[in-house]
């Protein structure tokens, strides 16, 4: 009787994403006749429902459990693996994925995990299941191999992710994309990509496509693939999104985004430019070469009715509160419509995770567990800043997010700033009430989600989907570190009024 294998790629939030990574493993391994004879794969585990009676019954029938580890699903993976070992102590647990470190693996090991794999897993899994195998590496095509046909038929409004190439040529110190792929790129053949697109779009239940390439738009053929999606889609409400765009100012990017905007769901109206920082010395420190300002302005000029979204990292080595504010407040003159910002976390398999890099930049970190059990290692101090400066950077971002991203900066002046802080509800520019974010933004001011605190009336807040959550998480991160170091928690009202740097950017009346 064949041995049974259950593979899982758990999402932290969503239940509608096809488990593409483990589908690739199954697709590759089942082409080996020895594996096809000796093993049976269950339908992959992917939904964020990892404590159900159905899963428990499957675990009891499983011989080998393989889980893809990311920072956002490690808690879920650990819970599933431990439960599996309770049901089957002799069963085999294998961890793979970006969260399994190549360095310092001993610190990551769990007593209930038998094997660990790093880097692309297809060949490793095949060798584990069939030691006689000698296959060459190639990106699998699980969709055209029929791995997900039942799922695509059964599930309504499913989201499908796929690759046209795998890997990243860059080696940014904070990013695991290049590290996991050894800074190499492997391309699928044009025909394989187009056949994948055609096969996926033959299912009416597919509502969203996401291309997983790290630098989509870097190749001329990328425009052709988007056009092929346009030519084959059957749903008017279909969305097309991208995991990452070309970082070198590719001339194809504007073509791709204009084509996407003209043919897909209205929810997609922005292009993401991952600047991370505009400080030259910091870019050198993190081993990154950004898109030039001239190229950025050229791309923005070519975009038709598409909002430009910038991503910045808070706490890069070499950055200071002043240099980060300079980057942030250059956005209006660059024509960038809004910014998103994230605290710097140390990810496994990145240059920044090495002991050498941490020592060189005197990096100090703390483990952070978010309310949804996501676990990160946050940098709160290095050679160029301490926690107080990180707090100032956060406050600058809070200002920018509240005023610029909301569009409030068009009305506020230095004369009205004090009034804003004294009573938010009295300001005429805060006029849209959004239930989804009012409680979230209330948590920025206090751990308790109260609507009226210290003179703040938070009933009237401008709509800002998602970014309220980011603000909360980052404030929670800061407060966790400050508490562990014996410092008081952040008080937005009092601390921000003492911060002078953002006020230089507020226009005079």
Protein backbone atom coordinates (compact mmCIF):
# COMPACT_ATOMS: atom_id res chain seq x y z
CA UNK A 1 0.00 0.00 0.00
CA UNK A 2 1.46 3.42 -0.95
CA UNK A 3 2.57 5.75 1.82
CA UNK A 4 0.48 8.89 2.22
CA UNK A 5 1.79 12.48 2.11
CA UNK A 6 0.07 15.68 3.21
CA UNK A 7 1.64 18.97 2.15
CA UNK A 8 0.54 22.34 3.43
CA UNK A 9 1.03 26.04 2.72
CA UNK A 10 -1.07 27.84 5.31
CA UNK A 11 -2.11 31.44 4.72
CA UNK A 12 -2.10 33.79 7.69
CA UNK A 13 -5.37 35.41 6.69
CA UNK A 14 -6.91 34.20 3.46
CA UNK A 15 -8.69 31.02 2.50
CA UNK A 16 -9.08 31.56 -1.23
CA UNK A 17 -5.50 31.16 -2.47
CA UNK A 18 -4.51 28.04 -4.36
CA UNK A 19 -1.53 26.42 -2.53
CA UNK A 20 0.86 26.90 -5.41
CA UNK A 21 4.18 26.08 -3.61
CA UNK A 22 3.17 22.59 -2.57
CA UNK A 23 1.43 22.04 -5.87
CA UNK A 24 4.82 22.50 -7.48
CA UNK A 25 6.27 19.79 -5.23
CA UNK A 26 3.50 17.34 -6.12
CA UNK A 27 3.72 18.14 -9.83
CA UNK A 28 7.46 17.54 -9.90
CA UNK A 29 7.54 14.43 -7.74
CA UNK A 30 4.68 12.63 -9.49
CA UNK A 31 6.60 12.70 -12.75
CA UNK A 32 8.97 10.20 -11.11
CA UNK A 33 7.46 6.73 -11.72
CA UNK A 34 8.95 5.32 -8.50
CA UNK A 35 7.29 8.03 -6.41
CA UNK A 36 4.00 7.72 -8.32
CA UNK A 37 4.03 4.00 -7.50
CA UNK A 38 5.03 4.22 -3.83
CA UNK A 39 3.29 7.40 -2.58
CA UNK A 40 -0.12 9.03 -2.59
CA UNK A 41 -0.59 12.78 -2.04
CA UNK A 42 -3.64 14.13 -0.23
CA UNK A 43 -5.14 17.38 -1.48
CA UNK A 44 -2.83 20.10 -0.13
CA UNK A 45 -3.64 21.89 3.08
CA UNK A 46 -3.96 25.63 2.47
CA UNK A 47 -6.89 27.29 4.17
CA UNK A 48 -6.45 29.28 7.35
CA UNK A 49 -8.58 26.71 9.14
CA UNK A 50 -5.99 24.42 10.58
CA UNK A 51 -7.86 23.07 13.59
CA UNK A 52 -10.87 21.34 12.06
CA UNK A 53 -12.27 17.81 12.48
CA UNK A 54 -11.57 17.16 8.80
CA UNK A 55 -7.90 18.03 9.18
CA UNK A 56 -7.55 15.86 12.28
CA UNK A 57 -8.97 12.88 10.40
CA UNK A 58 -6.54 13.46 7.53
CA UNK A 59 -3.59 13.75 9.93
CA UNK A 60 -4.46 10.34 11.39
CA UNK A 61 -4.17 8.81 7.90
CA UNK A 62 -0.93 10.61 6.99
CA UNK A 63 2.54 9.05 6.96
CA UNK A 64 4.59 12.09 5.92
CA UNK A 65 3.67 15.71 6.69
CA UNK A 66 5.41 18.53 4.81
CA UNK A 67 4.79 22.19 5.65
CA UNK A 68 5.96 25.37 3.92
CA UNK A 69 7.21 27.77 6.57
CA UNK A 70 6.81 31.53 6.35
CA UNK A 71 7.06 34.03 9.18
CA UNK A 72 3.30 34.49 9.09
CA UNK A 73 2.29 30.83 9.40
CA UNK A 74 4.93 29.35 11.70
CA UNK A 75 2.53 29.16 14.65
CA UNK A 76 -0.03 27.28 12.56
CA UNK A 77 2.64 24.91 11.22
CA UNK A 78 3.92 24.14 14.71
CA UNK A 79 0.40 23.45 15.95
CA UNK A 80 -0.33 21.07 13.06
CA UNK A 81 3.01 19.27 13.34
CA UNK A 82 2.64 18.65 17.06
CA UNK A 83 -0.89 17.33 16.62
CA UNK A 84 0.30 15.04 13.80
CA UNK A 85 3.00 13.57 16.06
CA UNK A 86 0.39 12.91 18.75
CA UNK A 87 -1.63 10.87 16.26
CA UNK A 88 1.36 9.20 14.61
CA UNK A 89 4.60 9.28 16.65
CA UNK A 90 6.44 7.34 13.93
CA UNK A 91 5.24 9.70 11.18
CA UNK A 92 7.71 12.01 9.48
CA UNK A 93 7.49 15.81 9.64
CA UNK A 94 9.42 17.92 7.11
CA UNK A 95 9.75 21.71 7.26
CA UNK A 96 10.75 23.75 4.22
CA UNK A 97 10.29 27.25 2.89
CA UNK A 98 11.84 30.68 3.47
CA UNK A 99 11.49 30.60 7.27
CA UNK A 100 13.81 27.59 7.63
CA UNK A 101 17.26 29.16 8.07
CA UNK A 102 20.39 27.84 6.45
CA UNK A 103 22.45 29.48 9.20
CA UNK A 104 21.76 28.88 12.87
CA UNK A 105 19.45 25.98 12.05
CA UNK A 106 19.96 24.56 15.54
CA UNK A 107 18.13 27.55 17.03
CA UNK A 108 15.15 26.89 14.74
CA UNK A 109 14.84 23.14 15.25
CA UNK A 110 11.74 21.62 16.84
CA UNK A 111 11.63 18.23 18.63
CA UNK A 112 8.62 17.18 16.53
CA UNK A 113 10.28 17.91 13.14
CA UNK A 114 12.38 15.20 11.51
CA UNK A 115 13.86 16.91 8.45
CA UNK A 116 14.51 20.47 7.24
CA UNK A 117 14.87 21.70 3.66
CA UNK A 118 16.07 25.11 2.47
CA UNK A 119 15.91 26.66 -0.97
CA UNK A 120 13.75 25.34 -3.84
CA UNK A 121 12.21 22.11 -2.60
CA UNK A 122 11.30 20.14 -5.72
CA UNK A 123 14.59 18.26 -6.18
CA UNK A 124 15.05 17.83 -2.43
CA UNK A 125 11.65 16.23 -2.04
CA UNK A 126 12.22 13.95 -4.99
CA UNK A 127 15.58 12.84 -3.59
CA UNK A 128 14.04 12.25 -0.17
CA UNK A 129 11.26 10.07 -1.60
CA UNK A 130 13.47 8.39 -4.20
CA UNK A 131 17.22 8.42 -3.38
CA UNK A 132 18.00 7.06 -6.87
CA UNK A 133 16.58 10.10 -8.66
CA UNK A 134 18.81 12.32 -10.80
CA UNK A 135 16.39 14.91 -12.19
CA UNK A 136 17.48 18.37 -13.27
CA UNK A 137 15.91 21.46 -11.74
CA UNK A 138 13.03 23.10 -13.58
CA UNK A 139 10.01 25.08 -12.40
CA UNK A 140 7.02 22.72 -12.41
CA UNK A 141 3.69 23.48 -14.05
CA UNK A 142 1.12 22.18 -11.54
CA UNK A 143 -1.89 23.78 -13.25
CA UNK A 144 -1.41 22.17 -16.66
CA UNK A 145 -0.53 18.92 -14.88
CA UNK A 146 -4.04 18.96 -13.40
CA UNK A 147 -2.91 19.14 -9.75
CA UNK A 148 -5.52 21.77 -8.87
CA UNK A 149 -8.35 20.91 -11.26
CA UNK A 150 -10.67 19.59 -8.54
CA UNK A 151 -10.04 22.61 -6.35
CA UNK A 152 -10.55 25.09 -9.20
CA UNK A 153 -13.82 23.40 -10.07
CA UNK A 154 -15.10 23.19 -6.50
CA UNK A 155 -14.12 26.48 -4.87
CA UNK A 156 -15.92 29.71 -5.76
CA UNK A 157 -14.00 32.91 -6.51
CA UNK A 158 -10.63 31.26 -6.08
CA UNK A 159 -7.35 33.21 -6.28
CA UNK A 160 -4.58 31.70 -8.39
CA UNK A 161 -0.88 32.45 -8.10
CA UNK A 162 1.77 31.34 -10.59
CA UNK A 163 5.30 32.12 -11.76
CA UNK A 164 6.80 33.08 -15.08
CA UNK A 165 10.25 32.97 -13.51
CA UNK A 166 11.66 32.14 -10.10
CA UNK A 167 14.39 33.93 -8.21
CA UNK A 168 15.85 37.41 -7.93
CA UNK A 169 19.16 38.72 -9.33
CA UNK A 170 19.56 41.18 -6.47
CA UNK A 171 20.87 40.48 -3.02
CA UNK A 172 19.31 43.17 -0.81
CA UNK A 173 20.44 42.67 2.76
CA UNK A 174 16.92 42.64 4.22
CA UNK A 175 15.23 40.41 1.62
CA UNK A 176 15.11 36.61 1.43
CA UNK A 177 14.04 36.52 -2.23
CA UNK A 178 17.58 36.61 -3.58
CA UNK A 179 18.96 34.55 -0.72
CA UNK A 180 16.56 31.65 -1.14
CA UNK A 181 17.18 31.52 -4.90
CA UNK A 182 20.96 32.11 -4.59
CA UNK A 183 20.45 35.30 -6.64
CA UNK A 184 19.65 33.20 -9.71
CA UNK A 185 16.67 33.41 -12.04
CA UNK A 186 15.05 30.38 -13.65
CA UNK A 187 12.56 31.11 -16.42
CA UNK A 188 9.64 29.06 -17.61
CA UNK A 189 9.36 28.71 -21.36
CA UNK A 190 6.99 31.13 -23.03
CA UNK A 191 4.74 28.27 -24.13
CA UNK A 192 4.53 26.87 -20.58
CA UNK A 193 3.45 30.25 -19.18
CA UNK A 194 0.82 30.77 -21.86
CA UNK A 195 -0.53 27.23 -21.43
CA UNK A 196 -0.78 27.84 -17.67
CA UNK A 197 -2.72 31.05 -18.28
CA UNK A 198 -5.09 29.36 -20.73
CA UNK A 199 -5.68 26.39 -18.42
CA UNK A 200 -6.36 28.48 -15.34
CA UNK A 201 -8.72 30.85 -17.15
CA UNK A 202 -10.75 27.94 -18.50
CA UNK A 203 -12.23 27.68 -14.98
CA UNK A 204 -15.02 30.16 -14.34
CA UNK A 205 -14.35 30.12 -10.58
CA UNK A 206 -11.02 31.91 -10.92
CA UNK A 207 -11.55 35.52 -9.86
CA UNK A 208 -8.00 36.69 -9.24
CA UNK A 209 -4.59 36.04 -10.73
CA UNK A 210 -1.32 37.00 -9.10
CA UNK A 211 2.05 36.73 -10.80
CA UNK A 212 4.63 35.77 -8.19
CA UNK A 213 7.80 36.99 -9.94
CA UNK A 214 10.08 39.11 -7.78
CA UNK A 215 10.69 41.64 -10.57
CA UNK A 216 7.77 41.48 -12.94
CA UNK A 217 8.20 43.80 -15.89
CA UNK A 218 11.94 43.27 -16.12
CA UNK A 219 11.61 41.32 -19.41
CA UNK A 220 9.92 42.34 -22.69
CA UNK A 221 7.85 39.13 -22.69
CA UNK A 222 6.16 40.23 -19.45
CA UNK A 223 3.99 42.63 -21.43
CA UNK A 224 3.04 39.78 -23.77
CA UNK A 225 1.95 37.57 -20.86
CA UNK A 226 -0.38 40.25 -19.49
CA UNK A 227 -1.84 40.67 -22.96
CA UNK A 228 -2.37 36.89 -23.10
CA UNK A 229 -4.30 37.05 -19.83
CA UNK A 230 -6.44 39.86 -21.24
CA UNK A 231 -7.15 37.83 -24.38
CA UNK A 232 -8.22 34.73 -22.42
CA UNK A 233 -10.11 36.08 -19.42
CA UNK A 234 -13.84 35.49 -19.31
CA UNK A 235 -14.91 37.37 -16.17
CA UNK A 236 -15.45 41.13 -16.11
CA UNK A 237 -14.74 41.23 -12.37
CA UNK A 238 -11.37 39.48 -12.61
CA UNK A 239 -8.40 41.02 -10.83
CA UNK A 240 -4.73 40.83 -11.81
CA UNK A 241 -2.07 41.62 -9.21
CA UNK A 242 1.69 41.30 -8.94
CA UNK A 243 3.92 40.20 -6.07
CA UNK A 244 6.79 42.46 -7.10
CA UNK A 245 7.67 44.88 -9.86
CA UNK A 246 10.96 45.49 -11.64
CA UNK A 247 13.28 47.49 -9.43
CA UNK A 248 15.44 48.89 -12.21
CA UNK A 249 13.03 51.26 -13.87
CA UNK A 250 12.07 48.90 -16.65
CA UNK A 251 10.44 50.60 -19.67
CA UNK A 252 7.89 47.77 -19.73
CA UNK A 253 6.36 48.66 -16.37
CA UNK A 254 4.12 51.50 -17.55
CA UNK A 255 2.85 49.38 -20.45
CA UNK A 256 1.97 46.56 -18.06
CA UNK A 257 0.16 48.79 -15.61
CA UNK A 258 -1.79 50.69 -18.26
CA UNK A 259 -2.81 47.41 -19.87
CA UNK A 260 -3.84 46.05 -16.48
CA UNK A 261 -5.82 49.14 -15.55
CA UNK A 262 -7.72 49.11 -18.84
CA UNK A 263 -8.82 45.50 -18.57
CA UNK A 264 -9.27 44.45 -14.96
CA UNK A 265 -11.29 45.08 -11.84
CA UNK A 266 -11.45 48.63 -10.52
CA UNK A 267 -9.88 47.51 -7.26
CA UNK A 268 -6.51 47.63 -8.95
CA UNK A 269 -5.56 51.22 -9.42
CA UNK A 270 -2.03 51.51 -8.11
CA UNK A 271 1.48 50.47 -8.97
CA UNK A 272 3.90 49.65 -6.19
CA UNK A 273 7.37 51.20 -6.28
CA UNK A 274 9.48 49.58 -3.57
CA UNK A 275 11.89 52.41 -2.80
CA UNK A 276 12.61 51.31 0.82
CA UNK A 277 14.79 54.44 1.24
CA UNK A 278 16.16 57.32 -0.83
CA UNK A 279 19.26 57.82 1.33
CA UNK A 280 22.36 56.87 -0.78
CA UNK A 281 24.49 55.75 2.19
CA UNK A 282 21.69 53.50 3.44
CA UNK A 283 21.23 51.95 -0.01
CA UNK A 284 24.93 51.05 0.03
CA UNK A 285 24.60 49.52 3.49
CA UNK A 286 21.69 47.31 2.44
CA UNK A 287 23.35 46.33 -0.85
CA UNK A 288 20.61 47.81 -2.98
CA UNK A 289 20.53 49.98 -6.10
CA UNK A 290 17.23 51.81 -6.43
CA UNK A 291 15.44 53.03 -9.47
CA UNK A 292 16.79 56.47 -10.37
CA UNK A 293 14.65 59.54 -9.73
CA UNK A 294 14.62 60.38 -13.46
CA UNK A 295 13.39 56.89 -14.38
CA UNK A 296 10.80 57.00 -11.62
CA UNK A 297 9.44 60.33 -12.84
CA UNK A 298 9.41 59.02 -16.40
CA UNK A 299 7.37 55.94 -15.39
CA UNK A 300 4.93 58.01 -13.35
CA UNK A 301 4.48 60.35 -16.31
CA UNK A 302 3.57 57.43 -18.59
CA UNK A 303 0.94 55.98 -16.26
CA UNK A 304 -2.69 56.75 -17.06
CA UNK A 305 -4.92 57.32 -14.03
CA UNK A 306 -2.89 54.89 -11.94
CA UNK A 307 -2.00 55.76 -8.36
CA UNK A 308 1.63 55.26 -7.39
CA UNK A 309 2.22 53.48 -4.09
CA UNK A 310 5.64 53.67 -2.45
CA UNK A 311 6.96 51.16 0.08
CA UNK A 312 9.46 52.23 2.72
CA UNK A 313 11.21 50.31 5.49
CA UNK A 314 11.53 51.80 8.97
CA UNK A 315 14.81 51.08 10.72
CA UNK A 316 17.35 50.23 8.00
CA UNK A 317 20.97 50.32 9.22
CA UNK A 318 22.49 53.70 8.45
CA UNK A 319 19.13 55.46 8.57
CA UNK A 320 18.34 58.21 11.08
CA UNK A 321 15.08 59.88 12.00
CA UNK A 322 16.02 62.92 9.92
CA UNK A 323 17.14 61.00 6.82
CA UNK A 324 14.02 58.85 6.91
CA UNK A 325 11.82 61.95 7.17
CA UNK A 326 13.68 63.45 4.20
CA UNK A 327 12.81 60.34 2.15
CA UNK A 328 9.20 60.43 3.27
CA UNK A 329 8.58 64.05 2.47
CA UNK A 330 10.11 63.81 -0.99
CA UNK A 331 7.07 61.78 -2.04
CA UNK A 332 4.85 64.73 -3.02
CA UNK A 333 7.46 66.26 -5.33
CA UNK A 334 8.05 62.86 -6.96
CA UNK A 335 4.35 62.53 -7.73
CA UNK A 336 3.85 59.51 -5.44
CA UNK A 337 0.25 59.34 -4.28
CA UNK A 338 0.62 57.47 -1.02
CA UNK A 339 3.18 55.52 0.98
CA UNK A 340 3.17 52.36 2.97
CA UNK A 341 5.79 51.67 5.55
CA UNK A 342 6.84 48.63 7.53
CA UNK A 343 9.19 48.05 10.45
CA UNK A 344 12.44 46.26 9.65
CA UNK A 345 12.33 42.58 10.54
CA UNK A 346 15.26 40.20 10.28
CA UNK A 347 14.22 37.39 7.95
CA UNK A 348 16.01 34.04 7.79
CA UNK A 349 18.28 33.44 4.80
CA UNK A 350 19.09 37.11 4.31
CA UNK A 351 22.50 38.81 4.58
CA UNK A 352 21.08 40.81 7.49
CA UNK A 353 20.44 37.60 9.43
CA UNK A 354 24.12 36.65 9.51
CA UNK A 355 26.09 37.20 12.69
CA UNK A 356 28.70 39.13 10.70
CA UNK A 357 26.17 41.69 9.44
CA UNK A 358 24.57 42.10 12.87
CA UNK A 359 27.95 42.65 14.51
CA UNK A 360 29.16 45.09 11.85
CA UNK A 361 26.09 47.31 12.29
CA UNK A 362 25.61 46.65 16.04
CA UNK A 363 22.09 45.40 15.45
CA UNK A 364 19.82 44.65 18.42
CA UNK A 365 16.56 42.76 17.96
CA UNK A 366 13.49 41.58 19.86
CA UNK A 367 11.04 38.79 19.05
CA UNK A 368 7.62 40.20 18.21
CA UNK A 369 4.40 38.18 18.22
CA UNK A 370 1.48 39.95 16.56
CA UNK A 371 -2.16 39.41 17.62
CA UNK A 372 -2.67 36.90 14.78
CA UNK A 373 0.33 34.87 16.00
CA UNK A 374 2.67 36.11 13.28
CA UNK A 375 6.20 36.06 14.69
CA UNK A 376 8.99 38.45 13.70
CA UNK A 377 12.42 39.52 14.84
CA UNK A 378 12.32 43.33 14.90
CA UNK A 379 15.40 45.54 14.80
CA UNK A 380 15.06 48.33 17.36
CA UNK A 381 18.65 49.58 17.58
CA UNK A 382 21.80 49.67 15.46
CA UNK A 383 24.87 51.86 14.90
CA UNK A 384 22.82 54.74 13.43
CA UNK A 385 19.78 54.89 15.72
CA UNK A 386 18.28 53.76 19.01
CA UNK A 387 14.72 53.02 20.06
CA UNK A 388 13.97 56.69 20.70
CA UNK A 389 14.82 57.52 17.09
CA UNK A 390 12.76 54.56 15.87
CA UNK A 391 9.89 56.07 17.83
CA UNK A 392 10.45 59.42 16.12
CA UNK A 393 10.47 57.72 12.72
CA UNK A 394 7.19 56.06 13.58
CA UNK A 395 5.69 59.39 14.57
CA UNK A 396 6.82 60.92 11.30
CA UNK A 397 5.12 58.10 9.49
CA UNK A 398 2.00 58.50 11.61
CA UNK A 399 1.90 62.14 10.60
CA UNK A 400 2.44 61.33 6.92
CA UNK A 401 -0.09 58.53 6.91
CA UNK A 402 -2.70 60.61 8.71
CA UNK A 403 -2.26 63.81 6.74
CA UNK A 404 -0.75 62.99 3.36
CA UNK A 405 -2.17 59.54 2.63
CA UNK A 406 -5.61 60.70 3.76
CA UNK A 407 -5.36 63.88 1.73
CA UNK A 408 -5.68 65.99 4.87
CA UNK A 409 -2.41 67.84 4.14
CA UNK A 410 -4.29 69.84 1.51
CA UNK A 411 -6.16 71.72 4.25
CA UNK A 412 -4.04 71.66 7.37
CA UNK A 413 -1.57 74.42 8.26
CA UNK A 414 0.75 75.08 11.14
CA UNK A 415 -1.93 77.32 12.62
CA UNK A 416 -4.50 74.54 12.59
CA UNK A 417 -2.18 71.74 13.71
CA UNK A 418 -2.73 72.40 17.43
CA UNK A 419 -6.49 72.39 16.92
CA UNK A 420 -6.26 69.05 15.21
CA UNK A 421 -4.56 67.49 18.19
CA UNK A 422 -6.85 69.13 20.68
CA UNK A 423 -10.02 67.78 19.14
CA UNK A 424 -9.99 65.64 16.04
CA UNK A 425 -13.74 65.74 15.59
CA UNK A 426 -13.76 69.54 15.23
CA UNK A 427 -11.63 69.55 12.14
CA UNK A 428 -13.78 69.93 9.01
CA UNK A 429 -11.50 67.82 6.84
CA UNK A 430 -12.22 64.71 8.89
CA UNK A 431 -15.70 64.10 7.66
CA UNK A 432 -15.97 60.49 6.52
CA UNK A 433 -16.93 57.98 9.14
CA UNK A 434 -15.65 54.46 8.52
CA UNK A 435 -16.54 51.79 11.01
CA UNK A 436 -13.82 49.47 9.75
CA UNK A 437 -10.98 51.74 10.80
CA UNK A 438 -12.24 53.80 13.69
CA UNK A 439 -11.57 51.10 16.27
CA UNK A 440 -8.23 50.33 14.67
CA UNK A 441 -7.06 53.92 14.84
CA UNK A 442 -8.36 54.19 18.39
CA UNK A 443 -5.89 51.48 19.34
CA UNK A 444 -3.08 53.72 18.11
CA UNK A 445 -3.82 56.06 20.96
CA UNK A 446 -4.42 53.47 23.63
CA UNK A 447 -4.25 49.69 24.00
CA UNK A 448 -7.98 49.70 24.66
CA UNK A 449 -10.24 50.34 21.65
CA UNK A 450 -12.10 53.26 23.18
CA UNK A 451 -13.58 55.93 20.96
CA UNK A 452 -13.12 58.94 23.19
CA UNK A 453 -9.79 59.36 24.95
CA UNK A 454 -8.03 62.42 26.38
CA UNK A 455 -9.98 64.87 24.31
CA UNK A 456 -9.80 62.83 21.11
CA UNK A 457 -13.06 62.06 19.47
CA UNK A 458 -12.30 59.27 17.02
CA UNK A 459 -15.77 58.84 15.60
CA UNK A 460 -14.93 60.81 12.49
CA UNK A 461 -12.05 59.38 10.58
CA UNK A 462 -11.16 59.25 6.93
CA UNK A 463 -11.26 55.94 5.13
CA UNK A 464 -7.86 54.28 4.90
CA UNK A 465 -8.25 50.53 4.40
CA UNK A 466 -5.50 48.35 5.79
CA UNK A 467 -3.02 51.04 6.72
CA UNK A 468 -4.73 51.48 10.05
CA UNK A 469 -3.77 47.88 10.78
CA UNK A 470 -0.15 48.55 9.85
CA UNK A 471 -0.02 51.49 12.24
CA UNK A 472 -1.39 49.36 15.03
CA UNK A 473 1.04 46.53 14.49
CA UNK A 474 4.02 48.81 14.42
CA UNK A 475 2.95 50.67 17.54
CA UNK A 476 2.44 47.33 19.27
CA UNK A 477 5.96 46.35 18.17
CA UNK A 478 7.47 49.52 19.60
CA UNK A 479 5.52 49.24 22.84
CA UNK A 480 6.62 45.62 23.30
CA UNK A 481 10.28 46.55 23.00
CA UNK A 482 9.92 49.68 25.13
CA UNK A 483 8.21 47.71 27.90
CA UNK A 484 10.91 45.02 27.89
CA UNK A 485 13.54 47.75 28.21
CA UNK A 486 11.70 49.42 31.11
CA UNK A 487 10.43 52.36 29.03
CA UNK A 488 6.88 53.75 28.99
CA UNK A 489 4.59 52.95 26.11
CA UNK A 490 4.21 55.40 23.26
CA UNK A 491 1.67 58.21 23.76
CA UNK A 492 0.85 59.67 20.37
CA UNK A 493 -0.63 62.91 21.65
CA UNK A 494 2.12 63.85 24.09
CA UNK A 495 5.09 62.43 22.19
CA UNK A 496 4.11 63.79 18.82
CA UNK A 497 3.63 67.33 20.04
CA UNK A 498 7.25 67.26 21.25
CA UNK A 499 8.51 66.11 17.86
CA UNK A 500 9.66 69.04 15.78
CA UNK A 501 10.87 67.53 12.51
CA UNK A 502 7.52 66.92 10.79
CA UNK A 503 6.33 70.46 11.41
CA UNK A 504 8.91 71.79 8.98
CA UNK A 505 6.99 70.07 6.24
CA UNK A 506 3.65 71.60 7.08
CA UNK A 507 2.84 74.61 4.96
CA UNK A 508 2.45 78.06 6.42
CA UNK A 509 -0.97 79.56 6.39
